[in-house]
Amino acid sequence: MITEVFLLPYTTSGSNVSDKPRLQMAGVRTRLLFRLQLKAVKCMKAIFRAVFYLRSNYVNKEGKTPVMLRIYLNNERLSIGSTGIAVQQSQWDREKERLKGRTTEVLSTNLELDNIQSGLQTIFKKVEMTDEVSLERIKSEYLGKKEDVDTLMSLFNKHNSDVARQVGVSVGAATLQKYNVCKKHFSNFLRDKYGRSDIRLSELGYIVIHDFDIYLRTVVGQNPNTATRMMKTFKTITILGRKLGVLHHDPFLNIRFHMEPVNRGFLTDEEILKIANKDFGIGRLELVRDVFVFSCFTGLAYIDVYNLTPENIVTLNGKQWIMTKRQKTSVETNVLLLDIPKSIIAKYSGKTYRDGNSSPC
């Protein structure tokens, strides 16, 4: 800010005149100018507008082009998409963003566009009175997607309920469990650390993220890599809040995740054979051992062994193969069956397991 100081002319002629009144007057004028500038800043209003335009690269079966909608807030812009209205390109006035002509169809279409524009202005005026004015918020209100999500636990509930509806369709039950565990840990953290059951989204900042990370590593007792994965899961919740337009800042800004290298070790051939030939004397432990050994000699994850059915065992040129898809990546996998996994399959063949699977997992 530039502050102007007004000084009265200084004179030394005649009587002994003090500079103090003159400097006081300058100070008064400086404060007055500052207040006027501050008032002007407060009076500045956000500039919002809606723009209609044609999707020029597409024409429907009727020879019409969709009218698209974009909104602007000061120097930012956001595309909303199609208005659901299609028009003839030759009738479109680009400057007025309306149809040309006075026919009943033209007037009706222009009225629809007017209603969309006035509706957006109404939404903007309502949102402008809050501290949550943003293009994402206006878009959510316009599309009817605004939900009563203003606290972190309500955002958690929204996210996890959405994931729950997708279980068995595009995500697995383990994914839902991962988010539910994260929610449980964060709920316990709020109670233990702050004595609260929830916090507003505007309160979610770096200090809360930092404290939650420390809580996972100390109170919960997670190792560094497990805690890091949990924090990544938690970040997914905040990303949803940003997309919904209910979280207006990035609490993970400038936060970087680092995984520590882990030496997992490995079993030698002799050690695996010792496990394979061990007599446990308990059927349940033998089953666990057989599944583990089967995974060692096929390279399949437990969930992929769990999903095996007799149809996955295919004979080609006199050799048996496992032909399946990885559940995690949906990548097709063909594994040649060696003698040890063959013997494990033979051990459990002829027995009935759940849903016709060949694995007793």
Protein backbone atom coordinates (compact mmCIF):
# COMPACT_ATOMS: atom_id res chain seq x y z
CA MET A 1 0.00 0.00 0.00
CA ILE A 2 1.23 3.52 -0.82
CA THR A 3 0.62 6.08 1.89
CA GLU A 4 0.58 9.74 0.98
CA VAL A 5 1.72 12.28 3.57
CA PHE A 6 0.47 15.85 3.21
CA LEU A 7 2.74 18.47 4.80
CA LEU A 8 1.94 22.13 5.11
CA PRO A 9 4.58 24.53 3.87
CA TYR A 10 7.24 25.21 6.51
CA THR A 11 8.22 28.77 7.19
CA THR A 12 10.91 30.29 9.42
CA SER A 13 9.98 33.93 8.98
CA GLY A 14 8.53 36.01 11.76
CA SER A 15 7.53 34.27 14.97
CA ASN A 16 8.93 30.99 16.28
CA VAL A 17 6.44 28.50 14.73
CA SER A 18 6.54 24.88 15.98
CA ASP A 19 6.53 21.92 13.54
CA LYS A 20 4.40 19.79 15.90
CA PRO A 21 0.94 21.00 14.77
CA ARG A 22 1.94 20.58 11.15
CA LEU A 23 3.12 16.98 11.68
CA GLN A 24 -0.05 16.19 13.64
CA MET A 25 -2.11 17.48 10.75
CA ALA A 26 -0.10 15.30 8.35
CA GLY A 27 -0.74 12.27 10.56
CA VAL A 28 -4.49 12.92 10.59
CA ARG A 29 -4.56 13.17 6.82
CA THR A 30 -2.52 9.94 6.51
CA ARG A 31 -4.93 8.03 8.73
CA LEU A 32 -7.90 9.44 6.83
CA LEU A 33 -6.43 8.34 3.50
CA PHE A 34 -5.73 4.86 4.89
CA ARG A 35 -9.34 4.51 6.10
CA LEU A 36 -10.67 5.58 2.72
CA GLN A 37 -8.48 3.03 0.96
CA LEU A 38 -9.54 0.31 3.39
CA LYS A 39 -13.18 1.18 2.85
CA ALA A 40 -12.68 1.01 -0.90
CA VAL A 41 -11.13 -2.46 -0.61
CA LYS A 42 -14.04 -3.68 1.50
CA CYS A 43 -16.52 -2.32 -1.02
CA MET A 44 -14.91 -4.27 -3.86
CA LYS A 45 -17.20 -7.10 -4.94
CA ALA A 46 -16.38 -10.32 -6.70
CA ILE A 47 -17.25 -10.25 -10.39
CA PHE A 48 -19.31 -13.26 -11.46
CA ARG A 49 -20.71 -14.07 -14.88
CA ALA A 50 -22.03 -16.99 -16.88
CA VAL A 51 -21.13 -17.51 -20.53
CA PHE A 52 -22.94 -19.60 -23.13
CA TYR A 53 -21.15 -20.95 -26.19
CA LEU A 54 -21.62 -23.66 -28.81
CA ARG A 55 -19.79 -26.96 -28.97
CA SER A 56 -18.72 -26.35 -32.52
CA ASN A 57 -17.13 -29.78 -33.10
CA TYR A 58 -20.36 -31.75 -32.59
CA VAL A 59 -23.72 -31.89 -34.33
CA ASN A 60 -26.52 -34.26 -33.27
CA LYS A 61 -28.82 -36.26 -35.53
CA GLU A 62 -31.16 -33.28 -35.86
CA GLY A 63 -28.33 -31.09 -37.14
CA LYS A 64 -28.20 -29.08 -33.90
CA THR A 65 -25.24 -28.15 -31.72
CA PRO A 66 -25.24 -28.29 -27.90
CA VAL A 67 -25.11 -25.03 -25.95
CA MET A 68 -22.31 -25.22 -23.37
CA LEU A 69 -21.98 -23.28 -20.12
CA ARG A 70 -18.92 -21.77 -18.44
CA ILE A 71 -18.81 -19.62 -15.30
CA TYR A 72 -16.28 -16.95 -14.30
CA LEU A 73 -15.35 -15.54 -10.90
CA ASN A 74 -12.91 -12.64 -11.13
CA ASN A 75 -9.94 -14.12 -13.06
CA GLU A 76 -10.93 -17.78 -12.61
CA ARG A 77 -13.16 -19.87 -14.82
CA LEU A 78 -14.80 -23.30 -14.67
CA SER A 79 -16.65 -25.29 -17.30
CA ILE A 80 -19.99 -26.74 -16.22
CA GLY A 81 -20.73 -28.61 -19.43
CA SER A 82 -23.83 -28.88 -21.57
CA THR A 83 -26.97 -26.93 -20.70
CA GLY A 84 -29.11 -29.66 -22.24
CA ILE A 85 -30.15 -27.24 -24.99
CA ALA A 86 -29.26 -27.76 -28.68
CA VAL A 87 -29.65 -25.11 -31.40
CA GLN A 88 -28.97 -24.46 -35.06
CA GLN A 89 -25.52 -22.89 -35.46
CA SER A 90 -26.83 -20.47 -38.08
CA GLN A 91 -29.28 -18.97 -35.54
CA TRP A 92 -26.74 -18.41 -32.79
CA ASP A 93 -25.63 -14.85 -31.95
CA ARG A 94 -22.14 -15.14 -30.44
CA GLU A 95 -22.10 -11.61 -29.01
CA LYS A 96 -25.49 -11.76 -27.30
CA GLU A 97 -25.15 -15.51 -26.54
CA ARG A 98 -28.76 -16.03 -27.59
CA LEU A 99 -30.70 -17.17 -30.64
CA LYS A 100 -31.59 -14.69 -33.34
CA GLY A 101 -35.21 -14.27 -34.36
CA ARG A 102 -38.67 -13.89 -32.84
CA THR A 103 -40.26 -17.28 -33.46
CA THR A 104 -41.94 -19.16 -30.63
CA GLU A 105 -39.13 -21.75 -30.53
CA VAL A 106 -36.42 -19.07 -30.42
CA LEU A 107 -38.15 -17.11 -27.65
CA SER A 108 -38.68 -20.29 -25.63
CA THR A 109 -35.02 -21.29 -25.97
CA ASN A 110 -33.79 -17.81 -25.03
CA LEU A 111 -36.06 -17.86 -21.99
CA GLU A 112 -34.47 -21.15 -20.88
CA LEU A 113 -31.03 -19.57 -21.18
CA ASP A 114 -32.23 -16.52 -19.22
CA ASN A 115 -33.51 -18.77 -16.45
CA ILE A 116 -30.18 -20.60 -16.26
CA GLN A 117 -28.29 -17.32 -16.04
CA SER A 118 -30.56 -15.82 -13.40
CA GLY A 119 -30.44 -19.06 -11.41
CA LEU A 120 -26.66 -18.94 -11.37
CA GLN A 121 -26.72 -15.31 -10.26
CA THR A 122 -29.06 -16.24 -7.40
CA ILE A 123 -26.73 -19.02 -6.31
CA PHE A 124 -23.75 -16.67 -6.48
CA LYS A 125 -25.47 -14.03 -4.32
CA LYS A 126 -26.33 -16.68 -1.73
CA VAL A 127 -22.82 -18.11 -1.66
CA GLU A 128 -21.22 -14.65 -1.69
CA MET A 129 -22.58 -13.97 1.80
CA THR A 130 -20.53 -16.87 3.20
CA ASP A 131 -16.78 -17.46 3.37
CA GLU A 132 -17.10 -20.40 0.95
CA VAL A 133 -17.52 -18.55 -2.33
CA SER A 134 -15.82 -20.49 -5.12
CA LEU A 135 -16.58 -21.70 -8.62
CA GLU A 136 -16.68 -25.32 -7.38
CA ARG A 137 -19.28 -24.40 -4.76
CA ILE A 138 -21.43 -22.56 -7.30
CA LYS A 139 -21.19 -25.49 -9.72
CA SER A 140 -22.18 -27.96 -7.00
CA GLU A 141 -25.18 -25.85 -6.06
CA TYR A 142 -26.24 -25.47 -9.69
CA LEU A 143 -25.96 -29.20 -10.45
CA GLY A 144 -27.89 -30.05 -7.31
CA LYS A 145 -24.93 -31.87 -5.79
CA LYS A 146 -24.56 -29.70 -2.72
CA GLU A 147 -24.73 -31.90 0.34
CA ASP A 148 -24.72 -31.11 4.02
CA VAL A 149 -21.01 -31.77 4.39
CA ASP A 150 -19.30 -29.18 6.56
CA THR A 151 -17.36 -31.33 9.04
CA LEU A 152 -14.62 -33.87 8.56
CA MET A 153 -16.54 -36.84 9.93
CA SER A 154 -19.51 -36.07 7.67
CA LEU A 155 -17.07 -35.99 4.74
CA PHE A 156 -15.70 -39.36 5.89
CA ASN A 157 -19.24 -40.75 6.01
CA LYS A 158 -20.00 -39.43 2.53
CA HIS A 159 -16.81 -40.92 1.08
CA ASN A 160 -17.13 -44.31 2.76
CA SER A 161 -20.81 -44.70 1.90
CA ASP A 162 -19.95 -44.00 -1.75
CA VAL A 163 -17.22 -46.66 -1.64
CA ALA A 164 -19.59 -49.13 0.06
CA ARG A 165 -22.02 -48.84 -2.86
CA GLN A 166 -19.22 -49.81 -5.26
CA VAL A 167 -18.10 -52.94 -3.38
CA GLY A 168 -18.44 -55.92 -5.67
CA VAL A 169 -18.74 -53.65 -8.70
CA SER A 170 -15.50 -51.72 -9.08
CA VAL A 171 -13.79 -52.01 -5.67
CA GLY A 172 -13.20 -54.81 -3.20
CA ALA A 173 -14.29 -55.19 0.38
CA ALA A 174 -10.67 -54.68 1.51
CA THR A 175 -10.73 -51.15 0.06
CA LEU A 176 -13.80 -50.26 2.10
CA GLN A 177 -12.21 -51.75 5.20
CA LYS A 178 -9.11 -49.60 4.65
CA TYR A 179 -11.19 -46.40 4.69
CA ASN A 180 -13.26 -47.54 7.67
CA VAL A 181 -10.09 -48.23 9.66
CA CYS A 182 -8.76 -44.78 8.76
CA LYS A 183 -12.04 -43.22 9.91
CA LYS A 184 -11.89 -45.15 13.21
CA HIS A 185 -8.32 -44.04 13.91
CA PHE A 186 -9.10 -40.40 13.13
CA SER A 187 -12.21 -40.46 15.32
CA ASN A 188 -10.16 -41.88 18.21
CA PHE A 189 -7.47 -39.29 17.55
CA LEU A 190 -9.94 -36.41 17.81
CA ARG A 191 -11.29 -37.77 21.08
CA ASP A 192 -7.89 -38.48 22.66
CA LYS A 193 -6.03 -35.39 21.41
CA TYR A 194 -8.67 -32.68 21.34
CA GLY A 195 -11.56 -34.14 23.35
CA ARG A 196 -13.89 -33.70 20.38
CA SER A 197 -15.99 -35.95 18.19
CA ASP A 198 -15.67 -33.85 15.02
CA ILE A 199 -14.08 -30.74 13.55
CA ARG A 200 -15.16 -28.25 10.90
CA LEU A 201 -13.47 -28.59 7.53
CA SER A 202 -12.11 -25.05 7.92
CA GLU A 203 -10.22 -26.23 11.03
CA LEU A 204 -8.34 -28.95 9.18
CA GLY A 205 -4.83 -27.58 8.81
CA TYR A 206 -1.20 -28.61 8.97
CA ILE A 207 -1.13 -28.97 12.76
CA VAL A 208 -4.03 -31.48 12.70
CA ILE A 209 -2.33 -33.46 9.92
CA HIS A 210 0.96 -33.43 11.86
CA ASP A 211 -0.67 -34.49 15.13
CA PHE A 212 -2.59 -37.32 13.43
CA ASP A 213 0.62 -38.65 11.87
CA ILE A 214 2.36 -38.63 15.27
CA TYR A 215 -0.70 -40.30 16.85
CA LEU A 216 -0.55 -43.18 14.35
CA ARG A 217 3.15 -43.74 14.99
CA THR A 218 2.98 -43.53 18.77
CA VAL A 219 -0.44 -44.25 20.27
CA VAL A 220 -1.60 -46.67 17.57
CA GLY A 221 1.92 -48.10 17.27
CA GLN A 222 2.10 -48.25 13.48
CA ASN A 223 5.50 -48.51 11.84
CA PRO A 224 6.59 -45.59 9.61
CA ASN A 225 5.48 -47.13 6.31
CA THR A 226 2.09 -48.23 7.68
CA ALA A 227 1.50 -44.75 9.09
CA THR A 228 2.47 -43.20 5.74
CA ARG A 229 0.00 -45.40 3.88
CA MET A 230 -2.70 -44.44 6.38
CA MET A 231 -1.96 -40.75 5.80
CA LYS A 232 -2.26 -41.29 2.05
CA THR A 233 -5.65 -42.88 2.67
CA PHE A 234 -6.64 -39.87 4.76
CA LYS A 235 -5.51 -37.51 2.00
CA THR A 236 -7.99 -39.23 -0.36
CA ILE A 237 -10.80 -38.01 1.90
CA THR A 238 -9.59 -34.40 1.68
CA ILE A 239 -9.30 -34.66 -2.11
CA LEU A 240 -12.98 -35.57 -2.26
CA GLY A 241 -13.78 -32.50 -0.14
CA ARG A 242 -11.87 -30.31 -2.58
CA LYS A 243 -13.73 -31.79 -5.57
CA LEU A 244 -17.10 -31.32 -3.86
CA GLY A 245 -16.27 -27.68 -3.21
CA VAL A 246 -16.73 -27.99 0.58
CA LEU A 247 -13.02 -27.90 1.47
CA HIS A 248 -11.48 -24.68 0.21
CA HIS A 249 -7.84 -25.24 1.08
CA ASP A 250 -5.32 -28.04 0.74
CA PRO A 251 -4.32 -29.21 4.23
CA PHE A 252 -1.61 -31.42 2.69
CA LEU A 253 0.05 -28.51 0.89
CA ASN A 254 3.86 -28.93 0.90
CA ILE A 255 3.55 -32.27 2.75
CA ARG A 256 5.56 -35.06 1.09
CA PHE A 257 5.27 -38.76 1.83
CA HIS A 258 8.38 -40.92 2.11
CA MET A 259 8.47 -44.72 2.37
CA GLU A 260 11.41 -46.26 4.18
CA PRO A 261 13.19 -49.09 2.33
CA VAL A 262 12.42 -52.51 3.82
CA ASN A 263 14.51 -55.65 3.49
CA ARG A 264 11.82 -58.32 3.35
CA GLY A 265 14.24 -61.24 3.18
CA PHE A 266 13.45 -64.53 1.46
CA LEU A 267 13.25 -68.26 2.07
CA THR A 268 15.79 -70.63 0.56
CA ASP A 269 14.78 -73.78 -1.34
CA GLU A 270 15.74 -75.90 1.65
CA GLU A 271 13.59 -73.82 4.02
CA ILE A 272 10.56 -74.03 1.72
CA LEU A 273 10.94 -77.82 1.42
CA LYS A 274 11.20 -78.09 5.21
CA ILE A 275 7.89 -76.23 5.54
CA ALA A 276 6.31 -78.36 2.79
CA ASN A 277 7.35 -81.62 4.47
CA LYS A 278 6.56 -80.59 8.05
CA ASP A 279 3.96 -82.74 9.80
CA PHE A 280 1.79 -80.34 11.79
CA GLY A 281 -0.74 -82.90 12.93
CA ILE A 282 -3.50 -80.25 12.79
CA GLY A 283 -5.63 -80.00 9.66
CA ARG A 284 -6.10 -76.25 9.93
CA LEU A 285 -2.33 -75.58 10.07
CA GLU A 286 -1.72 -78.01 7.19
CA LEU A 287 -4.21 -76.06 5.08
CA VAL A 288 -2.45 -72.77 5.84
CA ARG A 289 0.90 -74.39 4.99
CA ASP A 290 -0.39 -75.83 1.70
CA VAL A 291 -1.83 -72.50 0.55
CA PHE A 292 1.47 -70.77 1.37
CA VAL A 293 3.56 -73.36 -0.49
CA PHE A 294 1.15 -73.26 -3.45
CA SER A 295 1.62 -69.47 -3.63
CA CYS A 296 5.41 -69.89 -3.49
CA PHE A 297 5.46 -72.19 -6.51
CA THR A 298 2.87 -70.30 -8.60
CA GLY A 299 3.60 -66.67 -7.68
CA LEU A 300 -0.09 -66.04 -7.06
CA ALA A 301 -1.27 -63.79 -4.26
CA TYR A 302 -3.57 -65.24 -1.60
CA ILE A 303 -6.67 -63.58 -3.08
CA ASP A 304 -5.84 -65.05 -6.52
CA VAL A 305 -5.48 -68.54 -5.01
CA TYR A 306 -8.77 -67.95 -3.19
CA ASN A 307 -10.51 -67.18 -6.49
CA LEU A 308 -9.26 -70.26 -8.38
CA THR A 309 -11.90 -72.56 -9.89
CA PRO A 310 -11.52 -75.83 -11.86
CA GLU A 311 -12.08 -73.80 -15.05
CA ASN A 312 -8.78 -72.00 -14.40
CA ILE A 313 -6.82 -75.26 -14.79
CA VAL A 314 -6.22 -75.74 -18.51
CA THR A 315 -4.23 -78.48 -20.33
CA LEU A 316 -2.20 -77.40 -23.36
CA ASN A 317 0.13 -79.78 -25.24
CA GLY A 318 0.03 -82.23 -22.37
CA LYS A 319 0.96 -79.63 -19.73
CA GLN A 320 -1.32 -78.09 -17.12
CA TRP A 321 -1.55 -74.33 -16.76
CA ILE A 322 -3.32 -71.92 -14.42
CA MET A 323 -5.02 -69.28 -16.54
CA THR A 324 -6.59 -66.52 -14.49
CA LYS A 325 -6.68 -62.78 -13.89
CA ARG A 326 -5.09 -60.92 -11.04
CA GLN A 327 -7.81 -59.42 -8.90
CA LYS A 328 -5.82 -56.29 -8.06
CA THR A 329 -4.77 -55.37 -11.61
CA SER A 330 -7.10 -57.47 -13.84
CA VAL A 331 -3.97 -58.57 -15.74
CA GLU A 332 -4.20 -62.01 -17.35
CA THR A 333 -1.75 -64.50 -15.84
CA ASN A 334 -0.69 -67.90 -17.21
CA VAL A 335 1.30 -70.07 -14.78
CA LEU A 336 2.76 -73.49 -15.61
CA LEU A 337 1.87 -75.99 -12.90
CA LEU A 338 4.93 -77.66 -11.35
CA ASP A 339 4.92 -80.95 -9.48
CA ILE A 340 4.51 -79.55 -5.95
CA PRO A 341 1.44 -77.34 -6.69
CA LYS A 342 0.02 -80.27 -8.72
CA SER A 343 0.30 -82.51 -5.67
CA ILE A 344 -1.44 -79.89 -3.52
CA ILE A 345 -4.32 -79.67 -6.02
CA ALA A 346 -4.57 -83.47 -6.08
CA LYS A 347 -4.61 -83.54 -2.27
CA TYR A 348 -7.75 -81.42 -2.14
CA SER A 349 -9.41 -82.62 -5.38
CA GLY A 350 -12.74 -84.35 -5.12
CA LYS A 351 -13.71 -82.25 -2.12
CA THR A 352 -16.46 -79.66 -2.22
CA TYR A 353 -15.58 -76.07 -1.35
CA ARG A 354 -17.49 -72.79 -1.37
CA ASP A 355 -18.93 -71.62 -4.69
CA GLY A 356 -17.26 -74.42 -6.64
CA ASN A 357 -13.73 -73.09 -6.14
CA SER A 358 -10.86 -75.53 -6.35
CA SER A 359 -9.08 -73.86 -3.45
CA PRO A 360 -10.06 -74.68 0.15
CA CYS A 361 -9.01 -71.16 1.28
